[in-house]
Protein backbone atom coordinates (compact mmCIF):
# COMPACT_ATOMS: atom_id res chain seq x y z
CA MET A 1 -21.78 -2.98 16.52
CA ASN A 2 -20.35 0.00 18.04
CA THR A 3 -19.17 1.83 15.20
CA SER A 4 -17.49 4.54 17.62
CA VAL A 5 -15.42 2.42 19.15
CA VAL A 6 -14.84 -0.34 16.20
CA PHE A 7 -13.28 2.77 14.24
CA LYS A 8 -11.66 4.15 16.64
CA GLU A 9 -9.67 0.82 17.24
CA PHE A 10 -9.31 0.47 13.63
CA LEU A 11 -7.43 3.52 13.34
CA ASP A 12 -5.28 2.53 16.82
CA ASN A 13 -4.25 -0.79 14.59
CA LEU A 14 -2.65 1.42 12.00
CA VAL A 15 -0.06 3.17 13.76
CA ILE A 16 3.04 2.85 12.92
CA SER A 17 5.04 0.53 15.42
CA ASN A 18 8.48 1.38 14.83
CA LYS A 19 8.29 4.89 14.31
CA THR A 20 11.60 4.96 16.79
CA GLU A 21 13.65 3.14 14.41
CA ILE A 22 12.49 4.84 11.35
CA SER A 23 13.14 8.58 12.95
CA GLY A 24 16.89 6.83 14.17
CA ARG A 25 17.98 6.19 10.97
CA TYR A 26 16.12 9.11 9.52
CA ASN A 27 18.73 11.36 11.88
CA ASN A 28 21.89 9.14 11.16
CA ILE A 29 21.84 9.29 7.51
CA THR A 30 20.68 13.18 8.01
CA LYS A 31 24.15 13.56 10.50
CA ALA A 32 26.43 11.65 7.45
CA LEU A 33 25.16 14.21 5.22
CA ASN A 34 25.94 17.40 7.22
CA LYS A 35 29.33 15.71 8.43
CA GLN A 36 29.94 15.67 4.42
CA PHE A 37 28.46 18.41 2.84
CA TYR A 38 28.15 21.05 6.39
CA ASN A 39 31.57 19.63 8.42
CA ASN A 40 28.90 19.36 11.20
CA GLU A 41 27.01 16.32 12.49
CA SER A 42 23.22 17.68 13.47
CA GLU A 43 21.02 14.71 13.09
CA THR A 44 18.18 17.37 11.99
CA ALA A 45 19.42 20.33 10.02
CA ASN A 46 19.34 20.13 6.38
CA SER A 47 16.93 17.47 6.49
CA TYR A 48 12.77 16.74 5.77
CA GLN A 49 10.65 13.99 5.90
CA ILE A 50 8.48 14.34 2.88
CA GLY A 51 6.55 11.65 1.01
CA SER A 52 3.19 9.75 3.33
CA TYR A 53 5.68 9.49 6.43
CA GLY A 54 6.32 13.50 6.42
CA ARG A 55 2.81 14.03 5.68
CA LYS A 56 1.52 11.54 8.59
CA THR A 57 -0.76 9.66 6.17
CA ALA A 58 1.46 6.68 6.32
CA VAL A 59 0.00 3.46 8.19
CA LYS A 60 1.78 0.46 9.65
CA GLY A 61 3.85 -1.57 7.10
CA VAL A 62 5.09 1.22 5.39
CA SER A 63 8.17 0.10 3.30
CA ASP A 64 9.04 3.28 1.22
CA LEU A 65 9.61 6.10 3.18
CA ASP A 66 11.04 9.59 1.85
CA MET A 67 13.45 12.40 2.36
CA ILE A 68 15.37 15.63 0.73
CA PHE A 69 18.37 16.83 2.06
CA ILE A 70 19.22 20.40 1.42
CA LEU A 71 22.79 21.22 -0.16
CA PRO A 72 24.98 23.92 -0.43
CA ALA A 73 24.67 26.35 -3.05
CA ASP A 74 28.28 25.19 -4.61
CA VAL A 75 27.69 22.03 -4.31
CA TYR A 76 25.26 22.64 -7.31
CA THR A 77 27.72 24.65 -8.96
CA LYS A 78 30.59 21.89 -8.70
CA TYR A 79 28.19 18.78 -10.78
CA ASN A 80 26.54 21.67 -12.75
CA ASN A 81 30.26 22.19 -14.32
CA TYR A 82 30.51 18.73 -15.34
CA GLN A 83 30.75 17.83 -19.16
CA THR A 84 28.84 15.10 -18.51
CA ASN A 85 26.24 13.35 -16.07
CA GLY A 86 27.25 15.05 -13.11
CA GLN A 87 23.84 14.74 -11.46
CA SER A 88 25.10 10.91 -11.44
CA ALA A 89 28.40 11.75 -9.71
CA LEU A 90 26.37 13.72 -6.96
CA LEU A 91 24.23 10.69 -5.92
CA GLN A 92 27.23 8.78 -6.03
CA GLU A 93 29.04 11.29 -3.44
CA VAL A 94 25.80 11.32 -1.30
CA ARG A 95 25.82 7.48 -1.60
CA SER A 96 29.25 7.46 -0.33
CA ALA A 97 28.70 9.30 2.49
CA ILE A 98 25.47 7.19 3.32
CA LYS A 99 27.80 4.52 3.17
CA ARG A 100 30.34 5.49 5.72
CA THR A 101 27.50 5.24 8.61
CA TYR A 102 25.60 1.83 6.69
CA SER A 103 28.41 0.23 5.79
CA ASN A 104 26.58 -2.93 5.71
CA THR A 105 23.65 -1.80 4.19
CA GLU A 106 23.06 -1.69 0.14
CA ILE A 107 22.90 1.41 -0.83
CA ARG A 108 22.75 2.41 -4.43
CA GLY A 109 21.97 5.71 -6.88
CA ASP A 110 18.87 4.73 -8.36
CA GLY A 111 18.03 7.73 -11.42
CA GLN A 112 16.71 10.78 -8.91
CA VAL A 113 17.71 9.45 -5.42
CA VAL A 114 19.84 7.39 -3.41
CA VAL A 115 18.16 3.98 -2.22
CA VAL A 116 18.78 3.03 1.38
CA SER A 117 17.76 -0.71 1.47
CA PHE A 118 17.03 -1.57 5.40
CA THR A 119 14.99 -5.10 6.27
CA ASN A 120 11.64 -4.29 5.94
CA TYR A 121 11.93 -0.78 4.23
CA VAL A 122 13.82 1.69 1.97
CA VAL A 123 14.77 5.67 2.73
CA GLU A 124 15.05 7.30 -0.79
CA VAL A 125 17.41 9.98 0.39
CA CYS A 126 16.89 13.19 -2.49
CA PRO A 127 19.38 15.84 -2.23
CA VAL A 128 18.04 19.11 -3.64
CA PHE A 129 19.65 22.95 -3.90
CA LEU A 130 16.79 25.61 -2.89
CA GLN A 131 15.62 27.80 -5.20
CA SER A 132 14.71 31.53 -5.25
CA ASP A 133 11.18 30.27 -5.31
CA GLY A 134 10.88 28.33 -2.52
CA THR A 135 11.16 25.17 -4.77
CA TYR A 136 14.04 22.85 -5.05
CA LYS A 137 16.09 21.71 -7.65
CA TYR A 138 17.11 18.07 -7.77
CA PRO A 139 19.22 15.89 -9.79
CA ASP A 140 17.62 13.02 -12.43
CA SER A 141 20.96 11.08 -13.73
CA ASN A 142 18.69 9.18 -16.60
CA ASP A 143 19.00 9.96 -20.35
CA GLY A 144 22.45 11.70 -19.83
CA GLY A 145 21.72 13.92 -16.67
CA SER A 146 19.60 16.77 -16.22
CA TRP A 147 18.10 19.17 -13.55
CA ARG A 148 13.79 19.36 -11.90
CA LYS A 149 11.84 20.45 -9.40
CA THR A 150 10.34 19.49 -6.86
CA ASN A 151 7.95 21.37 -4.17
CA PRO A 152 7.05 18.98 -1.25
CA LEU A 153 6.90 21.04 1.49
CA PRO A 154 3.77 23.26 0.78
CA GLU A 155 2.13 19.88 0.50
CA ILE A 156 3.06 18.71 3.73
CA GLN A 157 1.90 22.10 5.03
CA GLU A 158 -2.05 22.30 3.54
CA PHE A 159 -2.54 18.93 4.66
CA HIS A 160 -1.85 19.77 7.97
CA ASP A 161 -4.19 22.50 7.63
CA TYR A 162 -6.99 21.15 5.89
CA ASN A 163 -6.86 17.93 8.08
CA GLN A 164 -7.35 20.73 10.69
CA THR A 165 -10.32 22.21 8.97
CA THR A 166 -11.55 18.83 8.37
CA ASN A 167 -11.59 17.84 11.74
CA LEU A 168 -8.83 15.43 11.68
CA ASN A 169 -10.63 13.47 9.41
CA LEU A 170 -8.75 14.07 5.97
CA LYS A 171 -5.72 11.81 7.35
CA ARG A 172 -7.80 9.26 9.15
CA LEU A 173 -9.68 8.58 5.89
CA ALA A 174 -6.36 8.83 3.93
CA LYS A 175 -5.24 6.07 6.29
CA MET A 176 -8.11 4.04 6.31
CA THR A 177 -7.80 4.03 2.17
CA ARG A 178 -3.94 2.60 2.88
CA ALA A 179 -5.73 0.21 4.41
CA TRP A 180 -8.12 -1.10 1.83
CA LYS A 181 -5.29 -0.81 -0.37
CA ASN A 182 -3.32 -3.00 1.58
CA LYS A 183 -6.10 -5.76 1.93
CA CYS A 184 -7.79 -5.49 -1.63
CA GLY A 185 -4.80 -5.36 -3.70
CA VAL A 186 -4.85 -1.83 -4.61
CA LYS A 187 -2.54 -0.28 -6.67
CA ILE A 188 -2.42 3.35 -5.88
CA GLY A 189 0.50 5.62 -5.07
CA GLY A 190 0.05 7.87 -1.76
CA LEU A 191 0.55 10.87 -3.09
CA LEU A 192 -3.06 10.13 -4.72
CA ILE A 193 -4.74 8.48 -2.11
CA ASP A 194 -3.88 11.48 -0.27
CA THR A 195 -5.19 13.95 -3.12
CA LEU A 196 -8.55 11.89 -3.99
CA CYS A 197 -9.24 11.95 0.08
CA TYR A 198 -8.42 16.03 0.42
CA GLU A 199 -10.60 16.14 -2.99
CA PHE A 200 -13.66 14.19 -1.80
CA LEU A 201 -13.68 16.09 1.45
CA GLU A 202 -13.31 19.33 -0.38
CA ASP A 203 -16.89 18.59 -2.68
CA ASN A 204 -18.55 17.07 0.56
CA GLU A 205 -18.29 19.81 3.27
CA SER A 206 -21.19 18.07 5.25
CA HIS A 207 -18.44 14.97 6.07
CA HIS A 208 -15.61 17.53 7.73
CA THR A 209 -17.39 17.44 11.63
CA ASP A 210 -17.86 13.36 11.20
CA THR A 211 -16.59 11.57 14.17
CA TYR A 212 -16.13 8.01 14.59
CA SER A 213 -19.90 7.04 15.22
CA SER A 214 -20.20 7.98 11.36
CA TYR A 215 -17.58 6.63 9.85
CA ASP A 216 -19.40 4.11 8.01
CA ILE A 217 -21.28 6.62 6.23
CA LEU A 218 -18.17 8.56 5.37
CA LEU A 219 -16.53 5.45 3.56
CA ARG A 220 -19.73 4.78 1.89
CA ASP A 221 -19.95 8.07 0.68
CA PHE A 222 -16.08 8.07 -0.21
CA PHE A 223 -15.94 4.84 -2.38
CA LYS A 224 -18.82 5.87 -4.21
CA TYR A 225 -16.51 9.28 -4.88
CA LEU A 226 -13.88 6.88 -5.89
CA LYS A 227 -16.16 4.11 -7.97
CA ASP A 228 -17.89 7.03 -9.96
CA TYR A 229 -14.81 8.65 -11.11
CA ASP A 230 -14.17 9.13 -14.95
CA ARG A 231 -12.10 6.16 -15.83
CA GLU A 232 -10.25 8.47 -18.91
CA ARG A 233 -8.64 10.20 -16.14
CA VAL A 234 -4.83 10.47 -16.30
CA TYR A 235 -3.31 13.03 -13.30
CA TRP A 236 -4.53 14.98 -10.64
CA TYR A 237 -3.11 18.09 -9.06
CA ALA A 238 -1.49 17.43 -5.53
CA PRO A 239 -2.84 20.02 -2.40
CA GLY A 240 -0.11 22.68 -1.81
CA SER A 241 2.38 21.83 -4.62
CA ASN A 242 0.23 21.69 -7.55
CA GLN A 243 2.12 19.22 -9.50
CA ARG A 244 0.69 16.51 -11.36
CA VAL A 245 0.09 12.80 -9.58
CA TYR A 246 -0.48 10.43 -12.49
CA LYS A 247 -2.82 7.06 -12.11
CA LYS A 248 -0.20 5.23 -13.49
CA ASN A 249 -2.43 2.39 -14.18
CA SER A 250 -3.62 2.25 -11.27
CA ASN A 251 -7.05 -0.12 -10.76
CA PHE A 252 -8.71 1.98 -7.60
CA ILE A 253 -12.06 2.51 -9.41
CA ILE A 254 -12.72 -1.15 -10.14
CA LYS A 255 -11.44 -2.27 -6.81
CA ALA A 256 -13.63 0.42 -4.84
CA SER A 257 -17.05 -0.79 -6.31
CA LYS A 258 -16.49 -3.78 -4.96
CA ALA A 259 -15.82 -1.96 -1.62
CA TYR A 260 -18.81 0.12 -2.13
CA ASN A 261 -20.93 -2.82 -2.16
CA ASN A 262 -19.47 -4.36 1.16
CA VAL A 263 -19.94 -1.38 2.92
CA ILE A 264 -23.56 -1.14 1.99
CA ASP A 265 -24.26 -4.61 3.15
CA ALA A 266 -22.15 -3.99 6.44
CA ILE A 267 -24.16 -0.84 6.91
CA ASP A 268 -27.43 -3.03 6.42
CA LYS A 269 -26.14 -5.79 8.70
CA LYS A 270 -24.96 -3.48 11.50
CA ASP A 271 -26.62 -4.88 14.24
CA ASN A 272 -25.55 -8.46 12.93
CA ASP A 273 -22.47 -10.15 14.26
CA THR A 274 -22.01 -10.87 10.90
CA VAL A 275 -21.00 -7.22 10.03
CA TYR A 276 -17.42 -7.27 11.64
CA SER A 277 -16.42 -10.20 8.25
CA ILE A 278 -18.22 -8.01 5.89
CA TRP A 279 -15.77 -5.17 7.09
CA LYS A 280 -12.72 -7.37 6.91
CA LYS A 281 -13.36 -7.82 3.73
CA VAL A 282 -12.53 -4.00 2.96
CA PHE A 283 -9.85 -3.36 5.07
CA GLY A 284 -8.45 -7.26 6.51
CA TYR A 285 -6.44 -7.78 8.96
CA PRO A 286 -6.13 -4.29 11.13
CA PHE A 287 -10.08 -3.92 11.38
CA PRO A 288 -11.18 -5.06 14.39
CA TYR A 289 -12.76 -8.51 15.53
CA PRO A 290 -14.39 -9.13 18.55
CA LYS A 291 -12.91 -12.88 19.82
CA ALA A 292 -16.26 -14.57 20.92
CA ILE A 293 -17.57 -13.56 17.80
CA LYS A 294 -14.79 -14.11 15.32
CA GLU A 295 -14.77 -17.85 16.98
CA SER A 296 -18.05 -18.50 16.86
CA ALA A 297 -18.24 -17.64 13.29
CA ILE A 298 -18.60 -20.57 10.88
CA ASN A 299 -15.65 -20.26 9.15
CA TYR A 300 -13.50 -19.82 11.82
CA THR A 301 -10.21 -21.80 12.51
CA ALA A 302 -7.40 -21.40 14.58
CA ASN A 303 -5.18 -22.21 11.98
CA GLU A 304 -5.75 -20.20 9.61
CA GLU A 305 -2.65 -17.92 8.66
CA PHE A 306 -2.18 -14.10 8.07
CA ILE A 307 0.02 -12.74 5.39
CA GLU A 308 0.19 -9.98 7.97
CA ASP A 309 1.94 -11.83 10.81
CA LEU A 310 4.86 -13.08 8.37
CA PHE A 311 5.65 -9.70 6.19
CA PRO A 312 4.97 -6.13 6.50
CA VAL A 313 2.31 -5.56 4.02
CA ASP A 314 2.61 -2.74 1.42
CA ILE A 315 0.72 -3.06 -2.05
CA ILE A 316 2.61 -0.88 -4.58
CA ASN A 317 2.28 -3.49 -7.75
CA ARG A 318 -0.31 -4.88 -9.54
CA LEU A 319 -1.31 -8.27 -9.32
CA ARG A 320 -4.06 -10.58 -11.23
CA ILE A 321 -4.65 -14.48 -10.88
CA GLU A 322 -6.50 -16.48 -12.57
CA CYS A 323 -7.44 -20.12 -12.37
CA GLU A 324 -7.35 -22.55 -15.47
CA VAL A 325 -10.43 -25.53 -14.98
CA LYS A 326 -9.85 -29.02 -16.58
CA GLN A 327 -12.23 -32.36 -16.62
CA ASN A 328 -11.75 -34.78 -18.89
CA GLY A 329 -14.25 -35.09 -21.42
CA PHE A 330 -14.80 -31.13 -21.29
CA ARG A 331 -12.78 -28.23 -22.91
CA THR A 332 -10.37 -25.82 -20.57
CA ASP A 333 -12.07 -22.98 -19.50
CA LEU A 334 -10.97 -19.65 -16.47
CA LEU A 335 -12.45 -19.64 -13.32
CA ARG A 336 -13.56 -15.58 -13.75
CA LYS A 337 -15.75 -16.53 -16.95
CA ILE A 338 -17.28 -19.60 -15.71
CA GLY A 339 -18.27 -17.95 -11.99
CA ILE A 340 -19.37 -21.14 -10.14
CA LEU A 341 -17.57 -24.42 -10.53
CA LYS A 342 -19.18 -28.01 -9.99
CA VAL A 343 -17.08 -31.05 -8.19
CA ASN A 344 -14.23 -32.94 -9.30
CA LYS A 345 -12.56 -30.34 -11.47
CA LYS A 346 -8.70 -29.86 -11.64
CA LEU A 347 -7.80 -26.04 -10.74
CA LYS A 348 -4.64 -24.61 -11.74
CA PHE A 349 -3.90 -21.09 -10.38
CA TYR A 350 -1.29 -18.80 -11.37
CA ILE A 351 -0.39 -15.03 -11.80
CA GLU A 352 -2.07 -13.44 -14.84
CA ASP A 353 -0.18 -10.14 -15.04
CA THR A 354 1.95 -8.27 -12.32
CA ASP A 355 4.29 -5.40 -12.94
CA VAL A 356 6.58 -6.77 -10.10
CA GLN A 357 10.28 -6.85 -11.15
CA LYS A 358 12.46 -10.21 -10.48
CA PRO A 359 13.43 -11.25 -8.45
CA TYR A 360 10.75 -11.79 -5.89
CA SER A 361 9.33 -15.08 -3.78
CA ILE A 362 5.51 -15.92 -3.79
CA LYS A 363 2.82 -17.28 -1.15
CA TRP A 364 -0.24 -18.91 -1.71
CA LYS A 365 -3.52 -19.27 0.77
CA VAL A 366 -5.92 -21.82 0.06
CA LYS A 367 -9.40 -21.55 2.65
CA ASN A 368 -11.86 -23.67 2.14
CA GLU A 369 -15.14 -22.35 3.97
CA GLY A 370 -19.30 -23.19 4.54
CA GLU A 371 -20.64 -26.10 5.92
CA ILE A 372 -18.96 -29.04 4.66
CA ALA A 373 -15.99 -27.52 5.11
CA LYS A 374 -16.60 -27.37 8.91
CA ALA A 375 -18.05 -30.80 9.56
CA ARG A 376 -14.96 -32.29 7.39
CA ASN A 377 -12.49 -29.82 9.86
CA ASN A 378 -10.92 -28.88 6.47
CA PHE A 379 -10.91 -24.81 6.67
CA ARG A 380 -7.12 -25.17 5.49
CA GLY A 381 -5.56 -21.51 5.48
CA GLN A 382 -2.07 -21.54 6.01
CA ILE A 383 0.13 -19.53 3.81
CA LEU A 384 2.36 -21.87 1.43
CA ASN A 385 5.15 -21.55 -0.37
CA ASP A 386 5.48 -21.85 -4.72
CA ASP A 387 7.40 -24.01 -5.45
CA GLY A 388 9.07 -22.01 -8.34
CA ARG A 389 6.72 -22.45 -10.64
CA GLU A 390 4.41 -20.02 -10.01
CA ILE A 391 1.44 -21.99 -10.08
CA ARG A 392 -0.75 -23.91 -7.47
CA ASN A 393 -2.79 -26.69 -8.11
CA GLU A 394 -6.13 -27.95 -6.82
CA SER A 395 -9.41 -29.74 -7.03
CA SER A 396 -12.84 -28.83 -6.34
CA ASN A 397 -13.53 -31.37 -3.68
CA PHE A 398 -16.59 -30.12 -2.41
CA ALA A 399 -19.31 -27.80 -2.42
CA GLY A 400 -19.14 -24.64 -0.75
CA PRO A 401 -17.79 -21.17 -0.80
CA HIS A 402 -13.47 -21.53 -1.07
CA PHE A 403 -11.35 -18.87 -1.79
CA VAL A 404 -7.53 -18.50 -2.76
CA GLU A 405 -4.75 -16.12 -2.03
CA CYS A 406 -1.60 -15.11 -3.69
CA TYR A 407 1.34 -13.03 -2.19
CA ILE A 408 4.35 -11.12 -4.29
CA ILE A 409 6.78 -10.75 -1.38
CA LYS A 410 10.15 -8.47 -2.47
CA ASN A 411 12.45 -7.53 -0.19
CA ASN A 412 10.72 -8.93 2.78
CA VAL A 413 7.87 -6.79 1.95
CA CYS A 414 4.77 -7.95 0.56
CA VAL A 415 4.31 -5.88 -2.14
CA ALA A 416 1.35 -7.00 -4.22
CA ARG A 417 -1.71 -9.34 -3.55
CA ASP A 418 -4.77 -10.85 -5.25
CA ARG A 419 -7.67 -12.55 -4.48
CA ILE A 420 -10.05 -14.84 -6.68
CA ASP A 421 -13.19 -16.49 -4.83
CA VAL A 422 -13.70 -20.25 -5.87
CA PRO A 423 -17.48 -20.94 -5.29
CA ILE A 424 -17.98 -24.41 -5.66
CA SER A 425 -22.06 -26.66 -6.05
CA ASN A 426 -22.81 -29.99 -6.08
CA THR A 427 -25.51 -29.32 -8.77
């Protein structure tokens, strides 16, 4: 494998494909708010793109976009003088102004922002007031209403500056980490990803001069850095703003340990054609896989389907699936506890835990692999609809490595996924 060529292609595959559409919608929202609050129709004034899109660390499939819009001081005076929850009333005025442009789009006030829900992503609009210290005050309509402070622009500047210091490696590492998140179902916020990448490079200056040709070593060291983190740590400080960034029940440390082992394996098999399939265990769909090598692999089937071809994938929630194993005459047990199955078992896959709020839809994927699956021409691998019960019944018919994946789709985006391996033995 030519590491330099492959990782350059990998990062090219992560480029956001609908930037023109996103920019147009940012501009339209800005224009609507300028017309409402400043009596002009500028598409850029008083508005800033923030979040991962503003920091330029977002990747293809991003579903959560953020912006702040700076309001005149007299608007703050007006709503601050309300007897009860002027913050909620402010959000409703912002909502109404945007609604005049997007009359057929779902738009709602949601605590601290106005959420504009487009087909495959949302734009969260936060109205703010510039303060004398350069920070911004914004409304929080929860618990009767209050004002809070935010400071996103120094974050954007600091990430830009440090990206230059690190030979562009900061933002590239952050984007590759998002690919890992989306493949492996890692619940972790975008600002925490960027903060962890920043701190890693701060602590490992030898990686500042890395190029594509050494990204395998960069990723090895980064995943080791993540897997060895203190599991009791609750928050970090974001570069630039110094605001606290909370872990929020993230599973990144556990997931990083598995990724680290896969990267070690990939480095060891660097000159073997199987290296591509190993890297895809870490980064999934966007990682390159030369056509000739892919089609010669034992587990290849042209009929396999991928969730990325059906929906944008932006993992923001937690999902864990389990499998109940049954056989007449034996007690019921769980697959993750058993490890390796024997044939003729009845399998019930189900959602053990998720924090996705309903409504949502569920998809499943069942993939058979190995010599017997190939001989029987029975690889499967299609994306399957759930029947509404949130379970998938299968059976262990023949030996070999198999796996089942589950996807939760909300607002036309895959927001959570999990995989469970199903190794079956004849003995």
